[in-house]
All heavy atoms as atom14 arrays in JSON, in Angstrom:
{
  "sequence": "DYDAGIVLLYSLAVKTLLLFTVKYNRISADYRN",
  "atom14_mask": [
    [1, 1, 1, 1, 1, 1, 1, 1, 0, 0, 0, 0, 0, 0],
    [1, 1, 1, 1, 1, 1, 1, 1, 1, 1, 1, 1, 0, 0],
    [1, 1, 1, 1, 1, 1, 1, 1, 0, 0, 0, 0, 0, 0],
    [1, 1, 1, 1, 1, 0, 0, 0, 0, 0, 0, 0, 0, 0],
    [1, 1, 1, 1, 0, 0, 0, 0, 0, 0, 0, 0, 0, 0],
    [1, 1, 1, 1, 1, 1, 1, 1, 0, 0, 0, 0, 0, 0],
    [1, 1, 1, 1, 1, 1, 1, 0, 0, 0, 0, 0, 0, 0],
    [1, 1, 1, 1, 1, 1, 1, 1, 0, 0, 0, 0, 0, 0],
    [1, 1, 1, 1, 1, 1, 1, 1, 0, 0, 0, 0, 0, 0],
    [1, 1, 1, 1, 1, 1, 1, 1, 1, 1, 1, 1, 0, 0],
    [1, 1, 1, 1, 1, 1, 0, 0, 0, 0, 0, 0, 0, 0],
    [1, 1, 1, 1, 1, 1, 1, 1, 0, 0, 0, 0, 0, 0],
    [1, 1, 1, 1, 1, 0, 0, 0, 0, 0, 0, 0, 0, 0],
    [1, 1, 1, 1, 1, 1, 1, 0, 0, 0, 0, 0, 0, 0],
    [1, 1, 1, 1, 1, 1, 1, 1, 1, 0, 0, 0, 0, 0],
    [1, 1, 1, 1, 1, 1, 1, 0, 0, 0, 0, 0, 0, 0],
    [1, 1, 1, 1, 1, 1, 1, 1, 0, 0, 0, 0, 0, 0],
    [1, 1, 1, 1, 1, 1, 1, 1, 0, 0, 0, 0, 0, 0],
    [1, 1, 1, 1, 1, 1, 1, 1, 0, 0, 0, 0, 0, 0],
    [1, 1, 1, 1, 1, 1, 1, 1, 1, 1, 1, 0, 0, 0],
    [1, 1, 1, 1, 1, 1, 1, 0, 0, 0, 0, 0, 0, 0],
    [1, 1, 1, 1, 1, 1, 1, 0, 0, 0, 0, 0, 0, 0],
    [1, 1, 1, 1, 1, 1, 1, 1, 1, 0, 0, 0, 0, 0],
    [1, 1, 1, 1, 1, 1, 1, 1, 1, 1, 1, 1, 0, 0],
    [1, 1, 1, 1, 1, 1, 1, 1, 0, 0, 0, 0, 0, 0],
    [1, 1, 1, 1, 1, 1, 1, 1, 1, 1, 1, 0, 0, 0],
    [1, 1, 1, 1, 1, 1, 1, 1, 0, 0, 0, 0, 0, 0],
    [1, 1, 1, 1, 1, 1, 0, 0, 0, 0, 0, 0, 0, 0],
    [1, 1, 1, 1, 1, 0, 0, 0, 0, 0, 0, 0, 0, 0],
    [1, 1, 1, 1, 1, 1, 1, 1, 0, 0, 0, 0, 0, 0],
    [1, 1, 1, 1, 1, 1, 1, 1, 1, 1, 1, 1, 0, 0],
    [1, 1, 1, 1, 1, 1, 1, 1, 1, 1, 1, 0, 0, 0],
    [1, 1, 1, 1, 1, 1, 1, 1, 0, 0, 0, 0, 0, 0]
  ],
  "atom14_positions": [
    [[-5.0, -20.9, 9.23], [-5.46, -19.77, 10.01], [-6.01, -18.75, 9.0], [-5.37, -17.78, 8.65], [-4.24, -19.14, 10.78], [-4.69, -18.09, 11.75], [-5.94, -17.73, 11.76], [-3.85, -17.55, 12.52], [0.0, 0.0, 0.0], [0.0, 0.0, 0.0], [0.0, 0.0, 0.0], [0.0, 0.0, 0.0], [0.0, 0.0, 0.0], [0.0, 0.0, 0.0]],
    [[-7.25, -19.02, 8.6], [-7.86, -18.28, 7.51], [-8.2, -16.82, 7.94], [-8.14, -15.92, 7.1], [-9.13, -18.96, 7.02], [-8.78, -20.35, 6.48], [-9.27, -21.51, 7.13], [-7.98, -20.55, 5.37], [-8.96, -22.77, 6.64], [-7.7, -21.79, 4.88], [-8.18, -22.91, 5.51], [-7.85, -24.18, 5.05], [0.0, 0.0, 0.0], [0.0, 0.0, 0.0]],
    [[-8.54, -16.62, 9.22], [-8.86, -15.26, 9.68], [-7.68, -14.34, 9.51], [-7.78, -13.23, 9.01], [-9.31, -15.31, 11.15], [-10.67, -16.01, 11.32], [-11.42, -16.06, 10.31], [-10.94, -16.47, 12.43], [0.0, 0.0, 0.0], [0.0, 0.0, 0.0], [0.0, 0.0, 0.0], [0.0, 0.0, 0.0], [0.0, 0.0, 0.0], [0.0, 0.0, 0.0]],
    [[-6.48, -14.81, 9.97], [-5.29, -14.0, 9.85], [-4.91, -13.76, 8.35], [-4.5, -12.72, 7.97], [-4.11, -14.63, 10.58], [0.0, 0.0, 0.0], [0.0, 0.0, 0.0], [0.0, 0.0, 0.0], [0.0, 0.0, 0.0], [0.0, 0.0, 0.0], [0.0, 0.0, 0.0], [0.0, 0.0, 0.0], [0.0, 0.0, 0.0], [0.0, 0.0, 0.0]],
    [[-5.09, -14.84, 7.54], [-4.79, -14.72, 6.14], [-5.68, -13.68, 5.43], [-5.2, -12.92, 4.6], [0.0, 0.0, 0.0], [0.0, 0.0, 0.0], [0.0, 0.0, 0.0], [0.0, 0.0, 0.0], [0.0, 0.0, 0.0], [0.0, 0.0, 0.0], [0.0, 0.0, 0.0], [0.0, 0.0, 0.0], [0.0, 0.0, 0.0], [0.0, 0.0, 0.0]],
    [[-6.95, -13.64, 5.8], [-7.9, -12.72, 5.17], [-7.56, -11.27, 5.62], [-7.61, -10.35, 4.78], [-9.34, -13.09, 5.52], [-9.67, -14.38, 4.73], [-10.31, -11.97, 5.16], [-11.01, -14.96, 5.09], [0.0, 0.0, 0.0], [0.0, 0.0, 0.0], [0.0, 0.0, 0.0], [0.0, 0.0, 0.0], [0.0, 0.0, 0.0], [0.0, 0.0, 0.0]],
    [[-7.19, -11.08, 6.89], [-6.78, -9.73, 7.31], [-5.58, -9.3, 6.53], [-5.51, -8.11, 6.07], [-6.49, -9.73, 8.84], [-5.83, -8.46, 9.26], [-7.76, -9.92, 9.6], [0.0, 0.0, 0.0], [0.0, 0.0, 0.0], [0.0, 0.0, 0.0], [0.0, 0.0, 0.0], [0.0, 0.0, 0.0], [0.0, 0.0, 0.0], [0.0, 0.0, 0.0]],
    [[-4.62, -10.15, 6.29], [-3.46, -9.81, 5.5], [-3.81, -9.57, 4.01], [-3.13, -8.75, 3.36], [-2.38, -10.87, 5.63], [-1.57, -10.87, 6.92], [-0.57, -11.99, 6.91], [-0.87, -9.56, 7.13], [0.0, 0.0, 0.0], [0.0, 0.0, 0.0], [0.0, 0.0, 0.0], [0.0, 0.0, 0.0], [0.0, 0.0, 0.0], [0.0, 0.0, 0.0]],
    [[-4.82, -10.23, 3.53], [-5.25, -9.97, 2.18], [-5.77, -8.52, 2.01], [-5.52, -7.84, 1.03], [-6.36, -10.95, 1.75], [-5.88, -12.36, 1.34], [-7.04, -13.24, 1.07], [-5.02, -12.25, 0.09], [0.0, 0.0, 0.0], [0.0, 0.0, 0.0], [0.0, 0.0, 0.0], [0.0, 0.0, 0.0], [0.0, 0.0, 0.0], [0.0, 0.0, 0.0]],
    [[-6.48, -8.02, 3.03], [-6.97, -6.65, 2.97], [-5.76, -5.68, 2.99], [-5.7, -4.7, 2.29], [-7.85, -6.33, 4.19], [-9.19, -7.01, 4.13], [-9.71, -7.69, 5.23], [-10.01, -6.94, 3.02], [-10.93, -8.31, 5.17], [-11.21, -7.55, 2.94], [-11.69, -8.24, 4.02], [-12.93, -8.85, 4.01], [0.0, 0.0, 0.0], [0.0, 0.0, 0.0]],
    [[-4.8, -5.99, 3.85], [-3.58, -5.17, 3.9], [-2.83, -5.21, 2.59], [-2.32, -4.19, 2.11], [-2.7, -5.68, 5.05], [-1.46, -5.01, 5.06], [0.0, 0.0, 0.0], [0.0, 0.0, 0.0], [0.0, 0.0, 0.0], [0.0, 0.0, 0.0], [0.0, 0.0, 0.0], [0.0, 0.0, 0.0], [0.0, 0.0, 0.0], [0.0, 0.0, 0.0]],
    [[-2.8, -6.4, 2.0], [-2.14, -6.55, 0.68], [-2.83, -5.72, -0.4], [-2.14, -5.14, -1.26], [-2.08, -8.01, 0.29], [-1.39, -8.36, -1.02], [0.14, -8.08, -0.89], [-1.58, -9.81, -1.35], [0.0, 0.0, 0.0], [0.0, 0.0, 0.0], [0.0, 0.0, 0.0], [0.0, 0.0, 0.0], [0.0, 0.0, 0.0], [0.0, 0.0, 0.0]],
    [[-4.13, -5.67, -0.35], [-4.89, -4.87, -1.32], [-4.5, -3.4, -1.19], [-4.3, -2.69, -2.2], [-6.4, -5.06, -1.12], [0.0, 0.0, 0.0], [0.0, 0.0, 0.0], [0.0, 0.0, 0.0], [0.0, 0.0, 0.0], [0.0, 0.0, 0.0], [0.0, 0.0, 0.0], [0.0, 0.0, 0.0], [0.0, 0.0, 0.0], [0.0, 0.0, 0.0]],
    [[-4.38, -2.89, 0.02], [-4.06, -1.46, 0.23], [-2.62, -1.23, -0.28], [-2.34, -0.22, -0.94], [-4.23, -1.07, 1.72], [-3.63, 0.33, 1.96], [-5.65, -1.14, 2.14], [0.0, 0.0, 0.0], [0.0, 0.0, 0.0], [0.0, 0.0, 0.0], [0.0, 0.0, 0.0], [0.0, 0.0, 0.0], [0.0, 0.0, 0.0], [0.0, 0.0, 0.0]],
    [[-1.69, -2.12, 0.05], [-0.31, -1.99, -0.39], [-0.2, -1.98, -1.93], [0.51, -1.16, -2.51], [0.58, -3.12, 0.17], [0.71, -3.14, 1.66], [1.35, -4.43, 2.11], [1.25, -4.6, 3.61], [1.69, -5.93, 4.04], [0.0, 0.0, 0.0], [0.0, 0.0, 0.0], [0.0, 0.0, 0.0], [0.0, 0.0, 0.0], [0.0, 0.0, 0.0]],
    [[-0.95, -2.86, -2.56], [-0.94, -2.93, -4.0], [-1.53, -1.7, -4.62], [-0.99, -1.16, -5.6], [-1.69, -4.2, -4.48], [-1.14, -5.34, -3.83], [-1.61, -4.38, -5.97], [0.0, 0.0, 0.0], [0.0, 0.0, 0.0], [0.0, 0.0, 0.0], [0.0, 0.0, 0.0], [0.0, 0.0, 0.0], [0.0, 0.0, 0.0], [0.0, 0.0, 0.0]],
    [[-2.62, -1.2, -4.07], [-3.2, 0.04, -4.54], [-2.23, 1.2, -4.43], [-2.09, 1.94, -5.38], [-4.45, 0.35, -3.73], [-5.17, 1.65, -4.03], [-5.82, 1.61, -5.44], [-6.22, 1.99, -2.95], [0.0, 0.0, 0.0], [0.0, 0.0, 0.0], [0.0, 0.0, 0.0], [0.0, 0.0, 0.0], [0.0, 0.0, 0.0], [0.0, 0.0, 0.0]],
    [[-1.55, 1.29, -3.3], [-0.55, 2.34, -3.15], [0.6, 2.21, -4.11], [1.11, 3.18, -4.68], [0.0, 2.35, -1.72], [-1.0, 2.86, -0.63], [-0.35, 2.67, 0.74], [-1.35, 4.3, -0.87], [0.0, 0.0, 0.0], [0.0, 0.0, 0.0], [0.0, 0.0, 0.0], [0.0, 0.0, 0.0], [0.0, 0.0, 0.0], [0.0, 0.0, 0.0]],
    [[1.01, 0.97, -4.4], [2.13, 0.76, -5.33], [1.76, 1.23, -6.75], [2.54, 1.86, -7.44], [2.51, -0.72, -5.38], [3.65, -1.08, -6.31], [4.95, -0.4, -5.9], [3.86, -2.58, -6.38], [0.0, 0.0, 0.0], [0.0, 0.0, 0.0], [0.0, 0.0, 0.0], [0.0, 0.0, 0.0], [0.0, 0.0, 0.0], [0.0, 0.0, 0.0]],
    [[0.53, 0.91, -7.19], [0.13, 1.25, -8.53], [-0.31, 2.72, -8.68], [-0.51, 3.17, -9.82], [-0.98, 0.32, -9.05], [-0.42, -1.04, -9.39], [-0.76, -2.13, -8.63], [0.42, -1.23, -10.46], [-0.25, -3.39, -8.93], [0.95, -2.45, -10.75], [0.59, -3.54, -10.01], [0.0, 0.0, 0.0], [0.0, 0.0, 0.0], [0.0, 0.0, 0.0]],
    [[-0.42, 3.44, -7.57], [-0.81, 4.85, -7.68], [0.32, 5.73, -7.05], [0.05, 6.83, -6.6], [-2.11, 5.12, -6.93], [-2.03, 4.69, -5.57], [-3.27, 4.43, -7.66], [0.0, 0.0, 0.0], [0.0, 0.0, 0.0], [0.0, 0.0, 0.0], [0.0, 0.0, 0.0], [0.0, 0.0, 0.0], [0.0, 0.0, 0.0], [0.0, 0.0, 0.0]],
    [[1.54, 5.24, -7.08], [2.63, 5.95, -6.42], [2.97, 7.29, -7.04], [3.59, 8.13, -6.44], [3.93, 5.02, -6.39], [4.64, 4.99, -7.72], [4.87, 5.43, -5.28], [0.0, 0.0, 0.0], [0.0, 0.0, 0.0], [0.0, 0.0, 0.0], [0.0, 0.0, 0.0], [0.0, 0.0, 0.0], [0.0, 0.0, 0.0], [0.0, 0.0, 0.0]],
    [[2.41, 7.57, -8.22], [2.67, 8.86, -8.83], [2.0, 10.01, -8.0], [2.36, 11.14, -8.18], [2.1, 8.91, -10.28], [0.62, 8.87, -10.38], [0.19, 8.99, -11.81], [-1.36, 9.05, -11.92], [-1.81, 9.22, -13.24], [0.0, 0.0, 0.0], [0.0, 0.0, 0.0], [0.0, 0.0, 0.0], [0.0, 0.0, 0.0], [0.0, 0.0, 0.0]],
    [[1.09, 9.67, -7.12], [0.45, 10.68, -6.26], [1.23, 10.91, -4.98], [0.78, 11.6, -4.07], [-0.99, 10.29, -5.93], [-1.86, 10.23, -7.12], [-2.35, 9.03, -7.64], [-2.22, 11.42, -7.77], [-3.17, 9.0, -8.75], [-3.04, 11.39, -8.91], [-3.52, 10.18, -9.39], [-4.29, 10.19, -10.48], [0.0, 0.0, 0.0], [0.0, 0.0, 0.0]],
    [[2.42, 10.35, -4.87], [3.23, 10.39, -3.66], [3.99, 11.72, -3.56], [5.24, 11.75, -3.35], [4.14, 9.2, -3.6], [4.76, 9.02, -2.23], [4.14, 9.35, -1.22], [5.96, 8.42, -2.21], [0.0, 0.0, 0.0], [0.0, 0.0, 0.0], [0.0, 0.0, 0.0], [0.0, 0.0, 0.0], [0.0, 0.0, 0.0], [0.0, 0.0, 0.0]],
    [[3.38, 12.86, -3.73], [4.07, 14.16, -3.68], [4.42, 14.63, -2.28], [5.41, 15.33, -2.11], [3.19, 15.2, -4.37], [3.2, 15.16, -5.85], [2.31, 16.21, -6.45], [2.62, 17.56, -5.94], [3.25, 18.48, -6.58], [3.7, 18.25, -7.79], [3.47, 19.67, -6.09], [0.0, 0.0, 0.0], [0.0, 0.0, 0.0], [0.0, 0.0, 0.0]],
    [[3.62, 14.28, -1.29], [3.9, 14.73, 0.04], [4.69, 13.63, 0.76], [4.16, 12.83, 1.52], [2.57, 15.02, 0.8], [1.72, 16.03, 0.03], [2.85, 15.51, 2.22], [0.35, 16.28, 0.59], [0.0, 0.0, 0.0], [0.0, 0.0, 0.0], [0.0, 0.0, 0.0], [0.0, 0.0, 0.0], [0.0, 0.0, 0.0], [0.0, 0.0, 0.0]],
    [[5.97, 13.6, 0.45], [6.82, 12.48, 0.93], [8.31, 12.89, 0.9], [8.64, 13.88, 0.24], [6.63, 11.23, 0.04], [7.08, 11.5, -1.26], [0.0, 0.0, 0.0], [0.0, 0.0, 0.0], [0.0, 0.0, 0.0], [0.0, 0.0, 0.0], [0.0, 0.0, 0.0], [0.0, 0.0, 0.0], [0.0, 0.0, 0.0], [0.0, 0.0, 0.0]],
    [[9.11, 12.1, 1.53], [10.53, 12.3, 1.47], [11.06, 12.05, 0.07], [12.01, 12.68, -0.37], [11.26, 11.4, 2.49], [0.0, 0.0, 0.0], [0.0, 0.0, 0.0], [0.0, 0.0, 0.0], [0.0, 0.0, 0.0], [0.0, 0.0, 0.0], [0.0, 0.0, 0.0], [0.0, 0.0, 0.0], [0.0, 0.0, 0.0], [0.0, 0.0, 0.0]],
    [[10.49, 11.09, -0.68], [10.89, 10.78, -2.02], [10.77, 12.05, -2.88], [11.71, 12.39, -3.62], [9.99, 9.72, -2.65], [10.33, 8.34, -2.19], [11.41, 8.12, -1.64], [9.48, 7.43, -2.35], [0.0, 0.0, 0.0], [0.0, 0.0, 0.0], [0.0, 0.0, 0.0], [0.0, 0.0, 0.0], [0.0, 0.0, 0.0], [0.0, 0.0, 0.0]],
    [[9.64, 12.69, -2.85], [9.42, 13.84, -3.67], [10.34, 14.98, -3.33], [10.91, 15.64, -4.21], [7.96, 14.33, -3.53], [7.58, 15.4, -4.53], [7.45, 15.15, -5.89], [7.39, 16.71, -4.1], [7.15, 16.11, -6.77], [7.06, 17.71, -4.97], [6.94, 17.4, -6.32], [6.62, 18.4, -7.22], [0.0, 0.0, 0.0], [0.0, 0.0, 0.0]],
    [[10.6, 15.14, -2.04], [11.53, 16.19, -1.58], [12.94, 15.87, -2.09], [13.67, 16.77, -2.53], [11.49, 16.32, -0.05], [12.36, 17.35, 0.5], [11.88, 18.74, 0.18], [12.8, 19.71, 0.73], [13.18, 20.8, 0.11], [12.66, 21.11, -1.06], [14.02, 21.62, 0.68], [0.0, 0.0, 0.0], [0.0, 0.0, 0.0], [0.0, 0.0, 0.0]],
    [[13.38, 14.65, -2.01], [14.7, 14.28, -2.51], [14.83, 14.49, -4.01], [15.9, 14.95, -4.47], [14.99, 12.79, -2.2], [15.25, 12.55, -0.75], [15.57, 13.45, 0.0], [15.07, 11.33, -0.31], [0.0, 0.0, 0.0], [0.0, 0.0, 0.0], [0.0, 0.0, 0.0], [0.0, 0.0, 0.0], [0.0, 0.0, 0.0], [0.0, 0.0, 0.0]]
  ]
}
């Protein structure tokens, strides 16, 4: 099911980008804690 796999690859790219730039996560419950 390549269509579903490719959609998840886009989602994976966004998740990975967020993981590697987590230092910008100031507006969050983490930062408040």
